[in-house]
């Protein structure tokens, strides 16, 4: 039987799954004019921010090992194109 991750990866080829990633920093902030909370993660060995949204705040993940399923996208911030990873699924390892 296939796992939930395998099903996600099979549906969308652009998704990437990584396991046992160590979080070096975790920041939460409210989105403007919305009740969503944006979570931004920095992972050891990566210069790209990993982002996900939740309705409620999430526990602090700094120093934790996590499994992520994500896809890459590009955002225009202050006139610069910046690569950002959008997290689809996050689980504690």
PDB file of N, CA and C in Angstrom:
ATOM      1  N   UNK A   1       0.834  -1.173   0.000  1.00  0.00           N
ATOM      2  CA  UNK A   1       0.000   0.000   0.000  1.00  0.00           C
ATOM      3  C   UNK A   1       0.890   1.251   0.000  1.00  0.00           C
ATOM      4  N   UNK A   2       0.534   2.231  -0.809  1.00  0.00           N
ATOM      5  CA  UNK A   2       1.322   3.444  -0.937  1.00  0.00           C
ATOM      6  C   UNK A   2       1.046   4.399   0.215  1.00  0.00           C
ATOM      7  N   UNK A   3       2.099   5.108   0.627  1.00  0.00           N
ATOM      8  CA  UNK A   3       1.941   6.095   1.693  1.00  0.00           C
ATOM      9  C   UNK A   3       1.339   7.380   1.125  1.00  0.00           C
ATOM     10  N   UNK A   4       0.940   8.262   2.024  1.00  0.00           N
ATOM     11  CA  UNK A   4       0.349   9.530   1.607  1.00  0.00           C
ATOM     12  C   UNK A   4       1.349  10.356   0.799  1.00  0.00           C
ATOM     13  N   UNK A   5       2.620  10.316   1.174  1.00  0.00           N
ATOM     14  CA  UNK A   5       3.660  11.051   0.452  1.00  0.00           C
ATOM     15  C   UNK A   5       3.802  10.510  -0.962  1.00  0.00           C
ATOM     16  N   UNK A   6       3.831   9.193  -1.111  1.00  0.00           N
ATOM     17  CA  UNK A   6       3.949   8.586  -2.433  1.00  0.00           C
ATOM     18  C   UNK A   6       2.786   8.982  -3.327  1.00  0.00           C
ATOM     19  N   UNK A   7       1.592   9.048  -2.771  1.00  0.00           N
ATOM     20  CA  UNK A   7       0.416   9.454  -3.544  1.00  0.00           C
ATOM     21  C   UNK A   7       0.540  10.903  -4.004  1.00  0.00           C
ATOM     22  N   UNK A   8       1.006  11.786  -3.103  1.00  0.00           N
ATOM     23  CA  UNK A   8       1.197  13.190  -3.462  1.00  0.00           C
ATOM     24  C   UNK A   8       2.238  13.344  -4.572  1.00  0.00           C
ATOM     25  N   UNK A   9       3.368  12.645  -4.429  1.00  0.00           N
ATOM     26  CA  UNK A   9       4.433  12.740  -5.414  1.00  0.00           C
ATOM     27  C   UNK A   9       4.010  12.178  -6.766  1.00  0.00           C
ATOM     28  N   UNK A  10       3.162  11.164  -6.750  1.00  0.00           N
ATOM     29  CA  UNK A  10       2.675  10.569  -7.984  1.00  0.00           C
ATOM     30  C   UNK A  10       1.721  11.516  -8.714  1.00  0.00           C
ATOM     31  N   UNK A  11       0.895  12.250  -7.951  1.00  0.00           N
ATOM     32  CA  UNK A  11      -0.067  13.187  -8.545  1.00  0.00           C
ATOM     33  C   UNK A  11       0.622  14.391  -9.167  1.00  0.00           C
ATOM     34  N   UNK A  12       1.648  14.898  -8.494  1.00  0.00           N
ATOM     35  CA  UNK A  12       2.300  16.113  -8.955  1.00  0.00           C
ATOM     36  C   UNK A  12       3.809  15.905  -9.009  1.00  0.00           C
ATOM     37  N   UNK A  13       4.363  15.887 -10.201  1.00  0.00           N
ATOM     38  CA  UNK A  13       5.798  15.625 -10.400  1.00  0.00           C
ATOM     39  C   UNK A  13       6.687  16.773  -9.932  1.00  0.00           C
ATOM     40  N   UNK A  14       6.126  17.983  -9.715  1.00  0.00           N
ATOM     41  CA  UNK A  14       6.925  19.124  -9.282  1.00  0.00           C
ATOM     42  C   UNK A  14       7.217  19.096  -7.785  1.00  0.00           C
ATOM     43  N   UNK A  15       6.533  18.247  -7.048  1.00  0.00           N
ATOM     44  CA  UNK A  15       6.747  18.158  -5.603  1.00  0.00           C
ATOM     45  C   UNK A  15       8.071  17.456  -5.292  1.00  0.00           C
ATOM     46  N   UNK A  16       8.679  17.874  -4.189  1.00  0.00           N
ATOM     47  CA  UNK A  16       9.903  17.257  -3.690  1.00  0.00           C
ATOM     48  C   UNK A  16       9.664  16.863  -2.241  1.00  0.00           C
ATOM     49  N   UNK A  17      10.180  15.707  -1.861  1.00  0.00           N
ATOM     50  CA  UNK A  17      10.032  15.254  -0.474  1.00  0.00           C
ATOM     51  C   UNK A  17      11.424  15.092   0.134  1.00  0.00           C
ATOM     52  N   UNK A  18      11.619  15.683   1.312  1.00  0.00           N
ATOM     53  CA  UNK A  18      12.886  15.580   2.037  1.00  0.00           C
ATOM     54  C   UNK A  18      12.603  15.115   3.451  1.00  0.00           C
ATOM     55  N   UNK A  19      13.509  14.280   3.969  1.00  0.00           N
ATOM     56  CA  UNK A  19      13.329  13.742   5.317  1.00  0.00           C
ATOM     57  C   UNK A  19      14.502  14.118   6.203  1.00  0.00           C
ATOM     58  N   UNK A  20      14.223  14.183   7.500  1.00  0.00           N
ATOM     59  CA  UNK A  20      15.223  14.452   8.544  1.00  0.00           C
ATOM     60  C   UNK A  20      15.958  15.777   8.322  1.00  0.00           C
ATOM     61  N   UNK A  21      15.229  16.812   7.925  1.00  0.00           N
ATOM     62  CA  UNK A  21      15.807  18.142   7.732  1.00  0.00           C
ATOM     63  C   UNK A  21      15.822  18.851   9.086  1.00  0.00           C
ATOM     64  N   UNK A  22      16.928  19.533   9.419  1.00  0.00           N
ATOM     65  CA  UNK A  22      17.029  20.219  10.704  1.00  0.00           C
ATOM     66  C   UNK A  22      16.687  21.694  10.525  1.00  0.00           C
ATOM     67  N   UNK A  23      15.766  22.189  11.358  1.00  0.00           N
ATOM     68  CA  UNK A  23      15.307  23.573  11.300  1.00  0.00           C
ATOM     69  C   UNK A  23      16.295  24.449  12.079  1.00  0.00           C
ATOM     70  N   UNK A  24      16.834  25.482  11.403  1.00  0.00           N
ATOM     71  CA  UNK A  24      17.741  26.403  12.085  1.00  0.00           C
ATOM     72  C   UNK A  24      17.000  27.621  12.624  1.00  0.00           C
ATOM     73  N   UNK A  25      15.883  28.024  11.984  1.00  0.00           N
ATOM     74  CA  UNK A  25      15.051  29.091  12.540  1.00  0.00           C
ATOM     75  C   UNK A  25      13.610  28.937  12.063  1.00  0.00           C
ATOM     76  N   UNK A  26      12.688  29.437  12.890  1.00  0.00           N
ATOM     77  CA  UNK A  26      11.257  29.358  12.596  1.00  0.00           C
ATOM     78  C   UNK A  26      10.615  30.673  13.009  1.00  0.00           C
ATOM     79  N   UNK A  27       9.920  31.321  12.059  1.00  0.00           N
ATOM     80  CA  UNK A  27       9.273  32.596  12.334  1.00  0.00           C
ATOM     81  C   UNK A  27       7.810  32.510  11.933  1.00  0.00           C
ATOM     82  N   UNK A  28       6.929  33.120  12.734  1.00  0.00           N
ATOM     83  CA  UNK A  28       5.504  33.166  12.431  1.00  0.00           C
ATOM     84  C   UNK A  28       5.056  34.621  12.403  1.00  0.00           C
ATOM     85  N   UNK A  29       4.223  34.966  11.421  1.00  0.00           N
ATOM     86  CA  UNK A  29       3.681  36.325  11.352  1.00  0.00           C
ATOM     87  C   UNK A  29       2.299  36.276  10.729  1.00  0.00           C
ATOM     88  N   UNK A  30       1.470  37.258  11.075  1.00  0.00           N
ATOM     89  CA  UNK A  30       0.120  37.337  10.524  1.00  0.00           C
ATOM     90  C   UNK A  30       0.157  37.940   9.135  1.00  0.00           C
ATOM     91  N   UNK A  31      -0.648  37.392   8.242  1.00  0.00           N
ATOM     92  CA  UNK A  31      -0.771  37.925   6.901  1.00  0.00           C
ATOM     93  C   UNK A  31      -1.664  39.166   6.947  1.00  0.00           C
ATOM     94  N   UNK A  32      -1.350  40.177   6.164  1.00  0.00           N
ATOM     95  CA  UNK A  32      -2.140  41.407   6.142  1.00  0.00           C
ATOM     96  C   UNK A  32      -3.567  41.120   5.699  1.00  0.00           C
ATOM     97  N   UNK A  33      -4.528  41.731   6.392  1.00  0.00           N
ATOM     98  CA  UNK A  33      -5.955  41.649   6.048  1.00  0.00           C
ATOM     99  C   UNK A  33      -6.454  40.212   5.929  1.00  0.00           C
ATOM    100  N   UNK A  34      -5.927  39.324   6.751  1.00  0.00           N
ATOM    101  CA  UNK A  34      -6.335  37.926   6.702  1.00  0.00           C
ATOM    102  C   UNK A  34      -6.144  37.304   8.081  1.00  0.00           C
ATOM    103  N   UNK A  35      -6.776  36.165   8.303  1.00  0.00           N
ATOM    104  CA  UNK A  35      -6.599  35.473   9.573  1.00  0.00           C
ATOM    105  C   UNK A  35      -5.597  34.317   9.454  1.00  0.00           C
ATOM    106  N   UNK A  36      -4.854  34.265   8.353  1.00  0.00           N
ATOM    107  CA  UNK A  36      -3.837  33.243   8.153  1.00  0.00           C
ATOM    108  C   UNK A  36      -2.538  33.659   8.827  1.00  0.00           C
ATOM    109  N   UNK A  37      -1.789  32.683   9.325  1.00  0.00           N
ATOM    110  CA  UNK A  37      -0.472  32.913   9.898  1.00  0.00           C
ATOM    111  C   UNK A  37       0.549  32.287   8.957  1.00  0.00           C
ATOM    112  N   UNK A  38       1.525  33.091   8.524  1.00  0.00           N
ATOM    113  CA  UNK A  38       2.569  32.611   7.621  1.00  0.00           C
ATOM    114  C   UNK A  38       3.749  32.131   8.455  1.00  0.00           C
ATOM    115  N   UNK A  39       4.164  30.897   8.240  1.00  0.00           N
ATOM    116  CA  UNK A  39       5.314  30.311   8.922  1.00  0.00           C
ATOM    117  C   UNK A  39       6.465  30.243   7.927  1.00  0.00           C
ATOM    118  N   UNK A  40       7.635  30.718   8.344  1.00  0.00           N
ATOM    119  CA  UNK A  40       8.821  30.676   7.495  1.00  0.00           C
ATOM    120  C   UNK A  40       9.896  29.886   8.226  1.00  0.00           C
ATOM    121  N   UNK A  41      10.443  28.889   7.541  1.00  0.00           N
ATOM    122  CA  UNK A  41      11.490  28.041   8.103  1.00  0.00           C
ATOM    123  C   UNK A  41      12.797  28.253   7.361  1.00  0.00           C
ATOM    124  N   UNK A  42      13.901  28.234   8.103  1.00  0.00           N
ATOM    125  CA  UNK A  42      15.236  28.154   7.515  1.00  0.00           C
ATOM    126  C   UNK A  42      15.784  26.792   7.902  1.00  0.00           C
ATOM    127  N   UNK A  43      16.311  26.086   6.922  1.00  0.00           N
ATOM    128  CA  UNK A  43      16.839  24.748   7.168  1.00  0.00           C
ATOM    129  C   UNK A  43      18.349  24.742   7.011  1.00  0.00           C
ATOM    130  N   UNK A  44      19.023  23.928   7.815  1.00  0.00           N
ATOM    131  CA  UNK A  44      20.480  23.826   7.725  1.00  0.00           C
ATOM    132  C   UNK A  44      20.889  23.330   6.343  1.00  0.00           C
ATOM    133  N   UNK A  45      21.830  24.037   5.726  1.00  0.00           N
ATOM    134  CA  UNK A  45      22.333  23.642   4.417  1.00  0.00           C
ATOM    135  C   UNK A  45      21.558  24.230   3.248  1.00  0.00           C
ATOM    136  N   UNK A  46      20.518  25.032   3.512  1.00  0.00           N
ATOM    137  CA  UNK A  46      19.711  25.642   2.451  1.00  0.00           C
ATOM    138  C   UNK A  46      19.648  27.157   2.658  1.00  0.00           C
ATOM    139  N   UNK A  47      19.762  27.902   1.554  1.00  0.00           N
ATOM    140  CA  UNK A  47      19.669  29.361   1.602  1.00  0.00           C
ATOM    141  C   UNK A  47      18.293  29.856   1.212  1.00  0.00           C
ATOM    142  N   UNK A  48      17.362  28.959   0.970  1.00  0.00           N
ATOM    143  CA  UNK A  48      16.026  29.290   0.488  1.00  0.00           C
ATOM    144  C   UNK A  48      15.032  29.177   1.640  1.00  0.00           C
ATOM    145  N   UNK A  49      14.119  30.158   1.795  1.00  0.00           N
ATOM    146  CA  UNK A  49      13.100  30.038   2.842  1.00  0.00           C
ATOM    147  C   UNK A  49      12.014  29.030   2.454  1.00  0.00           C
ATOM    148  N   UNK A  50      11.521  28.305   3.436  1.00  0.00           N
ATOM    149  CA  UNK A  50      10.425  27.361   3.258  1.00  0.00           C
ATOM    150  C   UNK A  50       9.216  27.959   3.956  1.00  0.00           C
ATOM    151  N   UNK A  51       8.086  28.110   3.248  1.00  0.00           N
ATOM    152  CA  UNK A  51       6.914  28.775   3.806  1.00  0.00           C
ATOM    153  C   UNK A  51       5.679  27.889   3.771  1.00  0.00           C
ATOM    154  N   UNK A  52       4.837  28.083   4.797  1.00  0.00           N
ATOM    155  CA  UNK A  52       3.517  27.464   4.802  1.00  0.00           C
ATOM    156  C   UNK A  52       2.573  28.321   5.620  1.00  0.00           C
ATOM    157  N   UNK A  53       1.266  28.176   5.364  1.00  0.00           N
ATOM    158  CA  UNK A  53       0.243  28.956   6.057  1.00  0.00           C
ATOM    159  C   UNK A  53      -0.600  28.047   6.926  1.00  0.00           C
ATOM    160  N   UNK A  54      -1.054  28.608   8.053  1.00  0.00           N
ATOM    161  CA  UNK A  54      -1.970  27.905   8.949  1.00  0.00           C
ATOM    162  C   UNK A  54      -2.941  28.907   9.535  1.00  0.00           C
ATOM    163  N   UNK A  55      -4.101  28.434   9.959  1.00  0.00           N
ATOM    164  CA  UNK A  55      -5.086  29.294  10.631  1.00  0.00           C
ATOM    165  C   UNK A  55      -4.672  29.569  12.081  1.00  0.00           C
ATOM    166  N   UNK A  56      -4.009  28.604  12.707  1.00  0.00           N
ATOM    167  CA  UNK A  56      -3.562  28.741  14.091  1.00  0.00           C
ATOM    168  C   UNK A  56      -2.040  28.764  14.126  1.00  0.00           C
ATOM    169  N   UNK A  57      -1.486  29.327  15.202  1.00  0.00           N
ATOM    170  CA  UNK A  57      -0.031  29.340  15.319  1.00  0.00           C
ATOM    171  C   UNK A  57       0.482  27.909  15.521  1.00  0.00           C
ATOM    172  N   UNK A  58       1.713  27.688  15.127  1.00  0.00           N
ATOM    173  CA  UNK A  58       2.337  26.376  15.167  1.00  0.00           C
ATOM    174  C   UNK A  58       3.395  26.380  16.259  1.00  0.00           C
ATOM    175  N   UNK A  59       3.700  25.245  16.824  1.00  0.00           N
ATOM    176  CA  UNK A  59       4.735  25.189  17.854  1.00  0.00           C
ATOM    177  C   UNK A  59       6.087  25.573  17.248  1.00  0.00           C
ATOM    178  N   UNK A  60       6.991  26.037  18.094  1.00  0.00           N
ATOM    179  CA  UNK A  60       8.309  26.445  17.625  1.00  0.00           C
ATOM    180  C   UNK A  60       9.090  25.218  17.160  1.00  0.00           C
ATOM    181  N   UNK A  61       9.591  25.262  15.940  1.00  0.00           N
ATOM    182  CA  UNK A  61      10.290  24.122  15.358  1.00  0.00           C
ATOM    183  C   UNK A  61      11.809  24.266  15.371  1.00  0.00           C
ATOM    184  N   UNK A  62      12.328  25.334  15.957  1.00  0.00           N
ATOM    185  CA  UNK A  62      13.775  25.560  15.945  1.00  0.00           C
ATOM    186  C   UNK A  62      14.508  24.379  16.574  1.00  0.00           C
ATOM    187  N   UNK A  63      15.454  23.822  15.825  1.00  0.00           N
ATOM    188  CA  UNK A  63      16.243  22.684  16.289  1.00  0.00           C
ATOM    189  C   UNK A  63      15.608  21.326  16.036  1.00  0.00           C
ATOM    190  N   UNK A  64      14.374  21.301  15.556  1.00  0.00           N
ATOM    191  CA  UNK A  64      13.659  20.037  15.335  1.00  0.00           C
ATOM    192  C   UNK A  64      14.045  19.408  14.000  1.00  0.00           C
ATOM    193  N   UNK A  65      13.854  18.102  13.902  1.00  0.00           N
ATOM    194  CA  UNK A  65      14.016  17.372  12.640  1.00  0.00           C
ATOM    195  C   UNK A  65      12.629  17.182  12.046  1.00  0.00           C
ATOM    196  N   UNK A  66      12.479  17.512  10.758  1.00  0.00           N
ATOM    197  CA  UNK A  66      11.168  17.447  10.119  1.00  0.00           C
ATOM    198  C   UNK A  66      11.264  16.759   8.761  1.00  0.00           C
ATOM    199  N   UNK A  67      10.118  16.255   8.301  1.00  0.00           N
ATOM    200  CA  UNK A  67       9.957  15.733   6.949  1.00  0.00           C
ATOM    201  C   UNK A  67       9.079  16.723   6.197  1.00  0.00           C
ATOM    202  N   UNK A  68       9.499  17.135   5.009  1.00  0.00           N
ATOM    203  CA  UNK A  68       8.795  18.144   4.231  1.00  0.00           C
ATOM    204  C   UNK A  68       8.447  17.650   2.840  1.00  0.00           C
ATOM    205  N   UNK A  69       7.290  18.048   2.356  1.00  0.00           N
ATOM    206  CA  UNK A  69       6.926  17.899   0.953  1.00  0.00           C
ATOM    207  C   UNK A  69       6.656  19.315   0.463  1.00  0.00           C
ATOM    208  N   UNK A  70       7.348  19.731  -0.597  1.00  0.00           N
ATOM    209  CA  UNK A  70       7.293  21.124  -1.026  1.00  0.00           C
ATOM    210  C   UNK A  70       7.519  21.246  -2.536  1.00  0.00           C
ATOM    211  N   UNK A  71       7.270  22.465  -3.058  1.00  0.00           N
ATOM    212  CA  UNK A  71       7.587  22.781  -4.451  1.00  0.00           C
ATOM    213  C   UNK A  71       8.205  24.171  -4.501  1.00  0.00           C
ATOM    214  N   UNK A  72       9.019  24.406  -5.519  1.00  0.00           N
ATOM    215  CA  UNK A  72       9.706  25.688  -5.676  1.00  0.00           C
ATOM    216  C   UNK A  72       8.829  26.679  -6.421  1.00  0.00           C
ATOM    217  N   UNK A  73       8.934  27.947  -6.029  1.00  0.00           N
ATOM    218  CA  UNK A  73       8.271  29.032  -6.757  1.00  0.00           C
ATOM    219  C   UNK A  73       9.152  30.269  -6.665  1.00  0.00           C
ATOM    220  N   UNK A  74       8.818  31.286  -7.455  1.00  0.00           N
ATOM    221  CA  UNK A  74       9.594  32.523  -7.473  1.00  0.00           C
ATOM    222  C   UNK A  74       8.670  33.673  -7.090  1.00  0.00           C
ATOM    223  N   UNK A  75       9.112  34.507  -6.140  1.00  0.00           N
ATOM    224  CA  UNK A  75       8.362  35.685  -5.715  1.00  0.00           C
ATOM    225  C   UNK A  75       9.168  36.929  -6.044  1.00  0.00           C
ATOM    226  N   UNK A  76       8.470  38.001  -6.388  1.00  0.00           N
ATOM    227  CA  UNK A  76       9.120  39.274  -6.640  1.00  0.00           C
ATOM    228  C   UNK A  76       9.023  40.105  -5.367  1.00  0.00           C
ATOM    229  N   UNK A  77      10.169  40.333  -4.714  1.00  0.00           N
ATOM    230  CA  UNK A  77      10.226  41.076  -3.463  1.00  0.00           C
ATOM    231  C   UNK A  77      11.141  42.277  -3.658  1.00  0.00           C
ATOM    232  N   UNK A  78      10.570  43.460  -3.539  1.00  0.00           N
ATOM    233  CA  UNK A  78      11.311  44.720  -3.682  1.00  0.00           C
ATOM    234  C   UNK A  78      12.062  44.782  -5.007  1.00  0.00           C
ATOM    235  N   UNK A  79      11.458  44.274  -6.067  1.00  0.00           N
ATOM    236  CA  UNK A  79      12.071  44.327  -7.391  1.00  0.00           C
ATOM    237  C   UNK A  79      13.039  43.208  -7.691  1.00  0.00           C
ATOM    238  N   UNK A  80      13.253  42.300  -6.754  1.00  0.00           N
ATOM    239  CA  UNK A  80      14.158  41.175  -6.954  1.00  0.00           C
ATOM    240  C   UNK A  80      13.355  39.878  -7.009  1.00  0.00           C
ATOM    241  N   UNK A  81      13.716  39.005  -7.932  1.00  0.00           N
ATOM    242  CA  UNK A  81      13.104  37.685  -7.968  1.00  0.00           C
ATOM    243  C   UNK A  81      13.810  36.799  -6.954  1.00  0.00           C
ATOM    244  N   UNK A  82      13.029  36.168  -6.089  1.00  0.00           N
ATOM    245  CA  UNK A  82      13.583  35.344  -5.018  1.00  0.00           C
ATOM    246  C   UNK A  82      12.909  33.985  -5.029  1.00  0.00           C
ATOM    247  N   UNK A  83      13.719  32.936  -4.975  1.00  0.00           N
ATOM    248  CA  UNK A  83      13.171  31.580  -4.938  1.00  0.00           C
ATOM    249  C   UNK A  83      12.667  31.274  -3.533  1.00  0.00           C
ATOM    250  N   UNK A  84      11.457  30.693  -3.472  1.00  0.00           N
ATOM    251  CA  UNK A  84      10.821  30.327  -2.211  1.00  0.00           C
ATOM    252  C   UNK A  84      10.270  28.922  -2.355  1.00  0.00           C
ATOM    253  N   UNK A  85      10.375  28.138  -1.304  1.00  0.00           N
ATOM    254  CA  UNK A  85       9.803  26.798  -1.296  1.00  0.00           C
ATOM    255  C   UNK A  85       8.473  26.840  -0.561  1.00  0.00           C
ATOM    256  N   UNK A  86       7.411  26.417  -1.225  1.00  0.00           N
ATOM    257  CA  UNK A  86       6.083  26.367  -0.617  1.00  0.00           C
ATOM    258  C   UNK A  86       5.844  24.966  -0.078  1.00  0.00           C
ATOM    259  N   UNK A  87       5.626  24.870   1.214  1.00  0.00           N
ATOM    260  CA  UNK A  87       5.457  23.591   1.890  1.00  0.00           C
ATOM    261  C   UNK A  87       4.008  23.121   1.738  1.00  0.00           C
ATOM    262  N   UNK A  88       3.847  21.883   1.281  1.00  0.00           N
ATOM    263  CA  UNK A  88       2.541  21.259   1.121  1.00  0.00           C
ATOM    264  C   UNK A  88       2.226  20.398   2.336  1.00  0.00           C
ATOM    265  N   UNK A  89       3.256  19.743   2.860  1.00  0.00           N
ATOM    266  CA  UNK A  89       3.079  18.814   3.982  1.00  0.00           C
ATOM    267  C   UNK A  89       4.289  18.896   4.884  1.00  0.00           C
ATOM    268  N   UNK A  90       4.060  18.995   6.192  1.00  0.00           N
ATOM    269  CA  UNK A  90       5.161  19.029   7.159  1.00  0.00           C
ATOM    270  C   UNK A  90       4.822  18.077   8.301  1.00  0.00           C
ATOM    271  N   UNK A  91       5.804  17.278   8.705  1.00  0.00           N
ATOM    272  CA  UNK A  91       5.634  16.322   9.797  1.00  0.00           C
ATOM    273  C   UNK A  91       6.930  16.272  10.608  1.00  0.00           C
ATOM    274  N   UNK A  92       6.776  16.059  11.898  1.00  0.00           N
ATOM    275  CA  UNK A  92       7.951  15.849  12.746  1.00  0.00           C
ATOM    276  C   UNK A  92       8.571  14.498  12.390  1.00  0.00           C
ATOM    277  N   UNK A  93       9.892  14.465  12.309  1.00  0.00           N
ATOM    278  CA  UNK A  93      10.588  13.219  11.939  1.00  0.00           C
ATOM    279  C   UNK A  93      10.716  12.295  13.126  1.00  0.00           C
TER     280      UNK A  93
END
